Amino acid sequence: MAKLRHSRLQAKKLSTVTLVLSMLFMLTVVLLMLLGLGIFSLPINGDDSPPNDLTSYRRMASERGKGLGKRGEQWTEVLSWEPRAFLYHNFLSREECEYLINLAKPYMKKSTVVDSKTGQSKDSRVRTSSGMFLRRGQDKIIMDIEKRIADYTFIPVENGEGLQVLHYEVEQKYDAHFDYFLDEINTKNGGQRMATVLMYLSDVEEGGETIFPAAKGNVSAVPWWNELSECGKKGLAVKPKMGDALLFWSMRPDATLDSSSLHGGCPVISGNKWSSTKWLHVEEYKL
């Protein structure tokens, strides 16, 4: 009788162990499936990642679901009505700015301008920066930024060109120009450029302002007037600040071209200037 009771206890213990092992096995299988699908990820110390490794940025964006990193207090400042220009403070987070810079760095080339006769890119002394284009919707982080731009401007994502990342070193600049086109070749795809969102990816120690020399109104009323370079005081100027985004319209509400949207980039006097531009068209811009 005692032997029978002992054998039953052993069988019960064996059954319990088998059940626990089975549950652990099933849990391991589920965990591996979640890892494989990218739904779950193991924590990784960002300090161990190589300098240009963008994996940690993408993982953070995937986990947050609403952009990469934490943005500061956001508000929009009206700069001008001629041209219509608005400054969105903290549009991007520091992490998003760093991500765009690191993504673009390996592919930077001398910046070009668009030839109004051929529609092709060409070199010009008017523009001395370096730059590159990112594909529209290239990855989740870029899609988040492009969706944010669409929400802010009320212009569909499909109407935008790919993000252009630009880098200006000391003495580099972009002379005054229009973003809209005066020819038919460049308006065949998407129609006219109606608005521009210029995002500042870095602070600039001195110089590098975005200037509107034809802007109307009291241009010296901006709170950063005393911090501007000599070039910046020749019109309405915006001092670059990491994360801020400048929205200005190249067309008036009646669909006529706005000549007061003439703008340029002042020479960088000290430091480096990184920015990203999104041009928005009247119609869908096909890639």
C-alpha atoms as a PDB file:
ATOM      1  CA  MET A   1       0.000   0.000   0.000  1.00  0.00           C
ATOM      2  CA  ALA A   2       2.857   2.356   0.910  1.00  0.00           C
ATOM      3  CA  LYS A   3       4.623   1.516  -2.347  1.00  0.00           C
ATOM      4  CA  LEU A   4       1.468   2.321  -4.316  1.00  0.00           C
ATOM      5  CA  ARG A   5       1.096   5.692  -2.571  1.00  0.00           C
ATOM      6  CA  HIS A   6       4.794   6.476  -3.209  1.00  0.00           C
ATOM      7  CA  SER A   7       4.486   5.650  -6.903  1.00  0.00           C
ATOM      8  CA  ARG A   8       1.418   7.889  -7.193  1.00  0.00           C
ATOM      9  CA  LEU A   9       3.317  10.811  -5.604  1.00  0.00           C
ATOM     10  CA  GLN A  10       6.212  10.308  -8.022  1.00  0.00           C
ATOM     11  CA  ALA A  11       3.827  10.219 -10.966  1.00  0.00           C
ATOM     12  CA  LYS A  12       2.156  13.422  -9.748  1.00  0.00           C
ATOM     13  CA  LYS A  13       5.528  15.208  -9.382  1.00  0.00           C
ATOM     14  CA  LEU A  14       6.593  14.015 -12.819  1.00  0.00           C
ATOM     15  CA  SER A  15       3.332  15.292 -14.297  1.00  0.00           C
ATOM     16  CA  THR A  16       3.833  18.717 -12.654  1.00  0.00           C
ATOM     17  CA  VAL A  17       7.413  18.998 -13.942  1.00  0.00           C
ATOM     18  CA  THR A  18       6.275  18.004 -17.428  1.00  0.00           C
ATOM     19  CA  LEU A  19       3.541  20.659 -17.339  1.00  0.00           C
ATOM     20  CA  VAL A  20       5.982  23.388 -16.231  1.00  0.00           C
ATOM     21  CA  LEU A  21       8.501  22.430 -18.919  1.00  0.00           C
ATOM     22  CA  SER A  22       5.755  22.424 -21.548  1.00  0.00           C
ATOM     23  CA  MET A  23       4.629  25.905 -20.495  1.00  0.00           C
ATOM     24  CA  LEU A  24       8.210  27.215 -20.598  1.00  0.00           C
ATOM     25  CA  PHE A  25       8.660  25.708 -24.051  1.00  0.00           C
ATOM     26  CA  MET A  26       5.452  27.323 -25.323  1.00  0.00           C
ATOM     27  CA  LEU A  27       6.457  30.682 -23.807  1.00  0.00           C
ATOM     28  CA  THR A  28       9.850  30.470 -25.540  1.00  0.00           C
ATOM     29  CA  VAL A  29       8.193  29.722 -28.889  1.00  0.00           C
ATOM     30  CA  VAL A  30       5.803  32.684 -28.512  1.00  0.00           C
ATOM     31  CA  LEU A  31       8.676  35.003 -27.515  1.00  0.00           C
ATOM     32  CA  LEU A  32      10.728  33.945 -30.546  1.00  0.00           C
ATOM     33  CA  MET A  33       7.734  34.560 -32.813  1.00  0.00           C
ATOM     34  CA  LEU A  34       7.245  38.067 -31.377  1.00  0.00           C
ATOM     35  CA  LEU A  35      10.942  38.838 -31.832  1.00  0.00           C
ATOM     36  CA  GLY A  36      10.823  37.567 -35.396  1.00  0.00           C
ATOM     37  CA  LEU A  37       7.814  39.721 -36.238  1.00  0.00           C
ATOM     38  CA  GLY A  38       9.395  42.799 -34.652  1.00  0.00           C
ATOM     39  CA  ILE A  39       6.506  43.199 -32.204  1.00  0.00           C
ATOM     40  CA  PHE A  40       8.815  42.771 -29.241  1.00  0.00           C
ATOM     41  CA  SER A  41      12.489  43.675 -28.874  1.00  0.00           C
ATOM     42  CA  LEU A  42      15.107  43.058 -26.234  1.00  0.00           C
ATOM     43  CA  PRO A  43      16.585  46.148 -24.515  1.00  0.00           C
ATOM     44  CA  ILE A  44      19.926  47.236 -25.933  1.00  0.00           C
ATOM     45  CA  ASN A  45      22.271  49.816 -24.473  1.00  0.00           C
ATOM     46  CA  GLY A  46      22.507  52.619 -27.057  1.00  0.00           C
ATOM     47  CA  ASP A  47      26.052  53.457 -25.927  1.00  0.00           C
ATOM     48  CA  ASP A  48      27.287  50.156 -27.397  1.00  0.00           C
ATOM     49  CA  SER A  49      26.007  50.964 -30.904  1.00  0.00           C
ATOM     50  CA  PRO A  50      28.422  52.169 -33.596  1.00  0.00           C
ATOM     51  CA  PRO A  51      28.255  55.951 -34.314  1.00  0.00           C
ATOM     52  CA  ASN A  52      26.335  55.541 -37.600  1.00  0.00           C
ATOM     53  CA  ASP A  53      24.184  52.606 -36.476  1.00  0.00           C
ATOM     54  CA  LEU A  54      20.560  53.724 -36.951  1.00  0.00           C
ATOM     55  CA  THR A  55      18.990  50.544 -35.545  1.00  0.00           C
ATOM     56  CA  SER A  56      18.423  51.994 -32.078  1.00  0.00           C
ATOM     57  CA  TYR A  57      16.692  55.077 -33.550  1.00  0.00           C
ATOM     58  CA  ARG A  58      14.312  52.903 -35.580  1.00  0.00           C
ATOM     59  CA  ARG A  59      13.595  50.664 -32.592  1.00  0.00           C
ATOM     60  CA  MET A  60      12.751  53.675 -30.418  1.00  0.00           C
ATOM     61  CA  ALA A  61      10.391  55.041 -33.075  1.00  0.00           C
ATOM     62  CA  SER A  62       8.709  51.656 -33.459  1.00  0.00           C
ATOM     63  CA  GLU A  63       8.167  51.321 -29.723  1.00  0.00           C
ATOM     64  CA  ARG A  64       6.849  54.881 -29.268  1.00  0.00           C
ATOM     65  CA  GLY A  65       4.560  54.816 -32.297  1.00  0.00           C
ATOM     66  CA  LYS A  66       4.336  58.645 -32.408  1.00  0.00           C
ATOM     67  CA  GLY A  67       7.723  59.753 -33.640  1.00  0.00           C
ATOM     68  CA  LEU A  68      11.242  59.365 -32.351  1.00  0.00           C
ATOM     69  CA  GLY A  69      12.288  60.905 -29.035  1.00  0.00           C
ATOM     70  CA  LYS A  70      10.545  63.490 -26.902  1.00  0.00           C
ATOM     71  CA  ARG A  71       9.776  66.952 -28.257  1.00  0.00           C
ATOM     72  CA  GLY A  72       9.769  70.082 -26.140  1.00  0.00           C
ATOM     73  CA  GLU A  73       6.859  72.484 -25.785  1.00  0.00           C
ATOM     74  CA  GLN A  74       5.334  73.148 -29.208  1.00  0.00           C
ATOM     75  CA  TRP A  75       3.756  76.345 -30.462  1.00  0.00           C
ATOM     76  CA  THR A  76       3.484  78.254 -33.723  1.00  0.00           C
ATOM     77  CA  GLU A  77       4.682  81.820 -34.141  1.00  0.00           C
ATOM     78  CA  VAL A  78       3.357  84.071 -36.914  1.00  0.00           C
ATOM     79  CA  LEU A  79       6.353  85.780 -38.523  1.00  0.00           C
ATOM     80  CA  SER A  80       4.807  87.517 -41.505  1.00  0.00           C
ATOM     81  CA  TRP A  81       1.735  87.772 -43.721  1.00  0.00           C
ATOM     82  CA  GLU A  82       3.717  88.959 -46.763  1.00  0.00           C
ATOM     83  CA  PRO A  83       4.999  86.356 -47.300  1.00  0.00           C
ATOM     84  CA  ARG A  84       2.884  84.052 -45.172  1.00  0.00           C
ATOM     85  CA  ALA A  85       5.535  82.615 -42.862  1.00  0.00           C
ATOM     86  CA  PHE A  86       5.149  80.693 -39.603  1.00  0.00           C
ATOM     87  CA  LEU A  87       7.678  79.191 -37.200  1.00  0.00           C
ATOM     88  CA  TYR A  88       6.710  75.913 -35.506  1.00  0.00           C
ATOM     89  CA  HIS A  89       8.846  75.529 -32.388  1.00  0.00           C
ATOM     90  CA  ASN A  90      10.076  72.012 -31.504  1.00  0.00           C
ATOM     91  CA  PHE A  91       8.558  70.436 -34.601  1.00  0.00           C
ATOM     92  CA  LEU A  92      11.241  67.724 -34.467  1.00  0.00           C
ATOM     93  CA  SER A  93      12.870  66.068 -31.480  1.00  0.00           C
ATOM     94  CA  ARG A  94      16.638  66.056 -30.996  1.00  0.00           C
ATOM     95  CA  GLU A  95      16.660  62.344 -31.832  1.00  0.00           C
ATOM     96  CA  GLU A  96      14.807  62.933 -35.119  1.00  0.00           C
ATOM     97  CA  CYS A  97      17.275  65.671 -36.093  1.00  0.00           C
ATOM     98  CA  GLU A  98      20.244  63.427 -35.325  1.00  0.00           C
ATOM     99  CA  TYR A  99      18.637  60.539 -37.196  1.00  0.00           C
ATOM    100  CA  LEU A 100      18.187  62.578 -40.400  1.00  0.00           C
ATOM    101  CA  ILE A 101      21.766  63.872 -40.218  1.00  0.00           C
ATOM    102  CA  ASN A 102      23.249  60.399 -39.665  1.00  0.00           C
ATOM    103  CA  LEU A 103      21.071  58.947 -42.416  1.00  0.00           C
ATOM    104  CA  ALA A 104      22.207  61.576 -44.925  1.00  0.00           C
ATOM    105  CA  LYS A 105      25.907  61.932 -44.070  1.00  0.00           C
ATOM    106  CA  PRO A 106      27.262  59.040 -46.193  1.00  0.00           C
ATOM    107  CA  TYR A 107      25.489  60.332 -49.325  1.00  0.00           C
ATOM    108  CA  MET A 108      26.127  64.087 -49.250  1.00  0.00           C
ATOM    109  CA  LYS A 109      27.129  65.729 -52.547  1.00  0.00           C
ATOM    110  CA  LYS A 110      27.584  69.300 -53.745  1.00  0.00           C
ATOM    111  CA  SER A 111      24.178  70.985 -53.924  1.00  0.00           C
ATOM    112  CA  THR A 112      22.699  71.898 -57.288  1.00  0.00           C
ATOM    113  CA  VAL A 113      19.889  74.088 -58.619  1.00  0.00           C
ATOM    114  CA  VAL A 114      17.134  73.258 -61.112  1.00  0.00           C
ATOM    115  CA  ASP A 115      17.655  74.360 -64.722  1.00  0.00           C
ATOM    116  CA  SER A 116      14.492  76.150 -65.879  1.00  0.00           C
ATOM    117  CA  LYS A 117      15.137  75.152 -69.511  1.00  0.00           C
ATOM    118  CA  THR A 118      15.745  71.425 -69.076  1.00  0.00           C
ATOM    119  CA  GLY A 119      14.314  70.664 -65.645  1.00  0.00           C
ATOM    120  CA  GLN A 120      17.597  68.961 -64.755  1.00  0.00           C
ATOM    121  CA  SER A 121      19.926  69.705 -61.842  1.00  0.00           C
ATOM    122  CA  LYS A 122      23.023  71.819 -62.456  1.00  0.00           C
ATOM    123  CA  ASP A 123      25.899  73.314 -60.462  1.00  0.00           C
ATOM    124  CA  SER A 124      25.702  76.963 -59.482  1.00  0.00           C
ATOM    125  CA  ARG A 125      27.707  79.429 -57.396  1.00  0.00           C
ATOM    126  CA  VAL A 126      24.365  80.640 -56.061  1.00  0.00           C
ATOM    127  CA  ARG A 127      24.267  77.554 -53.847  1.00  0.00           C
ATOM    128  CA  THR A 128      27.434  76.333 -52.143  1.00  0.00           C
ATOM    129  CA  SER A 129      26.104  73.775 -49.651  1.00  0.00           C
ATOM    130  CA  SER A 130      26.103  69.978 -49.881  1.00  0.00           C
ATOM    131  CA  GLY A 131      22.955  67.880 -49.849  1.00  0.00           C
ATOM    132  CA  MET A 132      21.042  64.726 -50.731  1.00  0.00           C
ATOM    133  CA  PHE A 133      17.447  63.518 -51.105  1.00  0.00           C
ATOM    134  CA  LEU A 134      15.662  60.901 -49.019  1.00  0.00           C
ATOM    135  CA  ARG A 135      12.889  58.864 -50.598  1.00  0.00           C
ATOM    136  CA  ARG A 136       9.367  59.775 -49.582  1.00  0.00           C
ATOM    137  CA  GLY A 137       8.202  57.173 -47.065  1.00  0.00           C
ATOM    138  CA  GLN A 138      11.712  55.695 -46.912  1.00  0.00           C
ATOM    139  CA  ASP A 139      11.229  54.307 -43.401  1.00  0.00           C
ATOM    140  CA  LYS A 140       8.905  54.644 -40.419  1.00  0.00           C
ATOM    141  CA  ILE A 141      10.693  57.638 -38.892  1.00  0.00           C
ATOM    142  CA  ILE A 142      10.539  59.571 -42.166  1.00  0.00           C
ATOM    143  CA  MET A 143       6.894  58.581 -42.635  1.00  0.00           C
ATOM    144  CA  ASP A 144       6.114  59.931 -39.147  1.00  0.00           C
ATOM    145  CA  ILE A 145       7.771  63.263 -40.006  1.00  0.00           C
ATOM    146  CA  GLU A 146       6.019  63.491 -43.378  1.00  0.00           C
ATOM    147  CA  LYS A 147       2.656  62.732 -41.763  1.00  0.00           C
ATOM    148  CA  ARG A 148       3.339  65.492 -39.208  1.00  0.00           C
ATOM    149  CA  ILE A 149       4.089  67.925 -42.052  1.00  0.00           C
ATOM    150  CA  ALA A 150       0.841  66.957 -43.798  1.00  0.00           C
ATOM    151  CA  ASP A 151      -1.142  67.466 -40.581  1.00  0.00           C
ATOM    152  CA  TYR A 152       0.455  70.878 -40.036  1.00  0.00           C
ATOM    153  CA  THR A 153       0.055  72.209 -43.584  1.00  0.00           C
ATOM    154  CA  PHE A 154      -3.182  70.384 -44.557  1.00  0.00           C
ATOM    155  CA  ILE A 155      -1.379  69.303 -47.735  1.00  0.00           C
ATOM    156  CA  PRO A 156      -1.415  65.536 -48.464  1.00  0.00           C
ATOM    157  CA  VAL A 157       1.800  63.551 -48.074  1.00  0.00           C
ATOM    158  CA  GLU A 158       1.527  62.567 -51.748  1.00  0.00           C
ATOM    159  CA  ASN A 159       1.928  66.210 -52.807  1.00  0.00           C
ATOM    160  CA  GLY A 160       5.404  66.459 -51.299  1.00  0.00           C
ATOM    161  CA  GLU A 161       8.811  65.788 -52.784  1.00  0.00           C
ATOM    162  CA  GLY A 162      11.256  63.641 -50.844  1.00  0.00           C
ATOM    163  CA  LEU A 163      13.005  65.292 -47.904  1.00  0.00           C
ATOM    164  CA  GLN A 164      16.211  67.076 -48.861  1.00  0.00           C
ATOM    165  CA  VAL A 165      18.937  67.213 -46.203  1.00  0.00           C
ATOM    166  CA  LEU A 166      21.409  70.109 -46.500  1.00  0.00           C
ATOM    167  CA  HIS A 167      24.722  70.901 -44.820  1.00  0.00           C
ATOM    168  CA  TYR A 168      26.346  74.342 -44.769  1.00  0.00           C
ATOM    169  CA  GLU A 169      29.889  74.840 -43.522  1.00  0.00           C
ATOM    170  CA  VAL A 170      31.582  78.172 -42.743  1.00  0.00           C
ATOM    171  CA  GLU A 171      31.072  80.745 -45.555  1.00  0.00           C
ATOM    172  CA  GLN A 172      28.621  78.505 -47.408  1.00  0.00           C
ATOM    173  CA  LYS A 173      25.272  80.071 -48.326  1.00  0.00           C
ATOM    174  CA  TYR A 174      22.307  80.094 -50.708  1.00  0.00           C
ATOM    175  CA  ASP A 175      21.582  83.358 -52.518  1.00  0.00           C
ATOM    176  CA  ALA A 176      18.044  84.757 -52.638  1.00  0.00           C
ATOM    177  CA  HIS A 177      15.720  82.728 -54.868  1.00  0.00           C
ATOM    178  CA  PHE A 178      12.132  81.561 -55.307  1.00  0.00           C
ATOM    179  CA  ASP A 179      10.970  78.013 -54.630  1.00  0.00           C
ATOM    180  CA  TYR A 180       8.207  78.302 -57.238  1.00  0.00           C
ATOM    181  CA  PHE A 181       8.905  77.722 -60.929  1.00  0.00           C
ATOM    182  CA  LEU A 182       8.594  80.151 -63.818  1.00  0.00           C
ATOM    183  CA  ASP A 183       8.622  77.486 -66.539  1.00  0.00           C
ATOM    184  CA  GLU A 184       6.330  74.677 -67.684  1.00  0.00           C
ATOM    185  CA  ILE A 185       8.872  71.844 -67.588  1.00  0.00           C
ATOM    186  CA  ASN A 186       9.243  71.780 -63.803  1.00  0.00           C
ATOM    187  CA  THR A 187       5.496  72.013 -63.172  1.00  0.00           C
ATOM    188  CA  LYS A 188       4.576  68.936 -65.227  1.00  0.00           C
ATOM    189  CA  ASN A 189       4.966  66.736 -62.158  1.00  0.00           C
ATOM    190  CA  GLY A 190       2.701  67.881 -59.328  1.00  0.00           C
ATOM    191  CA  GLY A 191       2.061  71.353 -60.660  1.00  0.00           C
ATOM    192  CA  GLN A 192       3.498  74.421 -58.957  1.00  0.00           C
ATOM    193  CA  ARG A 193       5.342  74.362 -55.633  1.00  0.00           C
ATOM    194  CA  MET A 194       2.919  76.068 -53.270  1.00  0.00           C
ATOM    195  CA  ALA A 195       4.674  75.843 -49.890  1.00  0.00           C
ATOM    196  CA  THR A 196       7.953  74.929 -48.224  1.00  0.00           C
ATOM    197  CA  VAL A 197       8.680  73.443 -44.808  1.00  0.00           C
ATOM    198  CA  LEU A 198      12.277  74.095 -43.756  1.00  0.00           C
ATOM    199  CA  MET A 199      13.330  72.125 -40.674  1.00  0.00           C
ATOM    200  CA  TYR A 200      16.456  73.088 -38.745  1.00  0.00           C
ATOM    201  CA  LEU A 201      18.431  70.014 -37.685  1.00  0.00           C
ATOM    202  CA  SER A 202      21.109  71.896 -35.737  1.00  0.00           C
ATOM    203  CA  ASP A 203      21.823  75.151 -33.962  1.00  0.00           C
ATOM    204  CA  VAL A 204      24.264  77.534 -35.659  1.00  0.00           C
ATOM    205  CA  GLU A 205      26.725  79.534 -33.571  1.00  0.00           C
ATOM    206  CA  GLU A 206      26.656  82.556 -35.878  1.00  0.00           C
ATOM    207  CA  GLY A 207      25.123  83.285 -39.274  1.00  0.00           C
ATOM    208  CA  GLY A 208      23.179  80.803 -41.398  1.00  0.00           C
ATOM    209  CA  GLU A 209      19.857  82.624 -41.020  1.00  0.00           C
ATOM    210  CA  THR A 210      16.998  82.117 -43.473  1.00  0.00           C
ATOM    211  CA  ILE A 211      16.240  85.579 -44.825  1.00  0.00           C
ATOM    212  CA  PHE A 212      13.286  87.064 -46.729  1.00  0.00           C
ATOM    213  CA  PRO A 213      14.663  90.300 -48.244  1.00  0.00           C
ATOM    214  CA  ALA A 214      11.322  91.254 -49.844  1.00  0.00           C
ATOM    215  CA  ALA A 215       9.178  90.676 -46.744  1.00  0.00           C
ATOM    216  CA  LYS A 216       6.872  93.515 -45.751  1.00  0.00           C
ATOM    217  CA  GLY A 217       6.405  94.803 -42.235  1.00  0.00           C
ATOM    218  CA  ASN A 218       8.637  95.571 -39.269  1.00  0.00           C
ATOM    219  CA  VAL A 219      11.378  92.984 -39.800  1.00  0.00           C
ATOM    220  CA  SER A 220      13.306  94.139 -36.714  1.00  0.00           C
ATOM    221  CA  ALA A 221      10.432  93.124 -34.420  1.00  0.00           C
ATOM    222  CA  VAL A 222      11.643  89.515 -34.136  1.00  0.00           C
ATOM    223  CA  PRO A 223      12.903  88.726 -30.604  1.00  0.00           C
ATOM    224  CA  TRP A 224      16.243  87.437 -31.942  1.00  0.00           C
ATOM    225  CA  TRP A 225      17.075  90.643 -33.885  1.00  0.00           C
ATOM    226  CA  ASN A 226      20.182  91.440 -31.813  1.00  0.00           C
ATOM    227  CA  GLU A 227      21.555  87.930 -32.429  1.00  0.00           C
ATOM    228  CA  LEU A 228      21.422  88.218 -36.226  1.00  0.00           C
ATOM    229  CA  SER A 229      24.420  88.591 -38.508  1.00  0.00           C
ATOM    230  CA  GLU A 230      24.815  91.572 -40.831  1.00  0.00           C
ATOM    231  CA  CYS A 231      23.242  89.515 -43.623  1.00  0.00           C
ATOM    232  CA  GLY A 232      20.333  88.538 -41.388  1.00  0.00           C
ATOM    233  CA  LYS A 233      19.444  92.177 -40.736  1.00  0.00           C
ATOM    234  CA  LYS A 234      18.770  92.836 -44.431  1.00  0.00           C
ATOM    235  CA  GLY A 235      15.241  91.462 -44.215  1.00  0.00           C
ATOM    236  CA  LEU A 236      12.961  89.210 -42.191  1.00  0.00           C
ATOM    237  CA  ALA A 237      15.302  86.567 -40.799  1.00  0.00           C
ATOM    238  CA  VAL A 238      14.902  83.309 -38.894  1.00  0.00           C
ATOM    239  CA  LYS A 239      17.768  82.121 -36.728  1.00  0.00           C
ATOM    240  CA  PRO A 240      18.305  78.327 -37.000  1.00  0.00           C
ATOM    241  CA  LYS A 241      17.382  76.380 -33.879  1.00  0.00           C
ATOM    242  CA  MET A 242      17.473  72.600 -33.715  1.00  0.00           C
ATOM    243  CA  GLY A 243      13.981  71.126 -34.040  1.00  0.00           C
ATOM    244  CA  ASP A 244      12.191  74.262 -35.271  1.00  0.00           C
ATOM    245  CA  ALA A 245      10.370  74.241 -38.622  1.00  0.00           C
ATOM    246  CA  LEU A 246       9.723  77.241 -40.855  1.00  0.00           C
ATOM    247  CA  LEU A 247       6.609  77.059 -43.044  1.00  0.00           C
ATOM    248  CA  PHE A 248       6.242  79.653 -45.787  1.00  0.00           C
ATOM    249  CA  TRP A 249       3.950  79.836 -48.788  1.00  0.00           C
ATOM    250  CA  SER A 250       5.119  80.547 -52.332  1.00  0.00           C
ATOM    251  CA  MET A 251       1.542  81.091 -53.494  1.00  0.00           C
ATOM    252  CA  ARG A 252      -1.152  83.400 -52.185  1.00  0.00           C
ATOM    253  CA  PRO A 253      -4.621  82.109 -51.229  1.00  0.00           C
ATOM    254  CA  ASP A 254      -5.874  83.206 -54.672  1.00  0.00           C
ATOM    255  CA  ALA A 255      -3.288  80.844 -56.284  1.00  0.00           C
ATOM    256  CA  THR A 256      -1.087  83.653 -57.640  1.00  0.00           C
ATOM    257  CA  LEU A 257       2.671  83.493 -57.112  1.00  0.00           C
ATOM    258  CA  ASP A 258       3.925  85.484 -54.123  1.00  0.00           C
ATOM    259  CA  SER A 259       7.084  87.424 -55.008  1.00  0.00           C
ATOM    260  CA  SER A 260       7.566  88.366 -51.346  1.00  0.00           C
ATOM    261  CA  SER A 261       8.507  84.700 -50.722  1.00  0.00           C
ATOM    262  CA  LEU A 262      11.958  85.471 -52.154  1.00  0.00           C
ATOM    263  CA  HIS A 263      14.384  83.950 -49.644  1.00  0.00           C
ATOM    264  CA  GLY A 264      17.955  82.819 -49.129  1.00  0.00           C
ATOM    265  CA  GLY A 265      20.390  81.318 -46.662  1.00  0.00           C
ATOM    266  CA  CYS A 266      22.918  83.696 -45.098  1.00  0.00           C
ATOM    267  CA  PRO A 267      26.562  82.553 -44.975  1.00  0.00           C
ATOM    268  CA  VAL A 268      27.519  80.505 -41.932  1.00  0.00           C
ATOM    269  CA  ILE A 269      30.045  82.527 -39.923  1.00  0.00           C
ATOM    270  CA  SER A 270      30.750  80.051 -37.142  1.00  0.00           C
ATOM    271  CA  GLY A 271      29.694  76.430 -36.672  1.00  0.00           C
ATOM    272  CA  ASN A 272      27.740  74.116 -38.969  1.00  0.00           C
ATOM    273  CA  LYS A 273      24.206  74.307 -40.296  1.00  0.00           C
ATOM    274  CA  TRP A 274      22.099  71.229 -40.980  1.00  0.00           C
ATOM    275  CA  SER A 275      18.566  71.514 -42.331  1.00  0.00           C
ATOM    276  CA  SER A 276      15.922  69.495 -44.145  1.00  0.00           C
ATOM    277  CA  THR A 277      13.529  70.853 -46.765  1.00  0.00           C
ATOM    278  CA  LYS A 278      10.134  69.557 -47.875  1.00  0.00           C
ATOM    279  CA  TRP A 279       8.654  71.147 -51.007  1.00  0.00           C
ATOM    280  CA  LEU A 280       4.890  70.812 -51.350  1.00  0.00           C
ATOM    281  CA  HIS A 281       3.033  70.906 -54.672  1.00  0.00           C
ATOM    282  CA  VAL A 282      -0.502  71.796 -55.699  1.00  0.00           C
ATOM    283  CA  GLU A 283      -1.124  68.255 -56.964  1.00  0.00           C
ATOM    284  CA  GLU A 284       0.273  64.781 -56.343  1.00  0.00           C
ATOM    285  CA  TYR A 285       4.028  64.626 -56.906  1.00  0.00           C
ATOM    286  CA  LYS A 286       4.825  61.294 -58.544  1.00  0.00           C
ATOM    287  CA  LEU A 287       8.127  59.676 -57.624  1.00  0.00           C
END
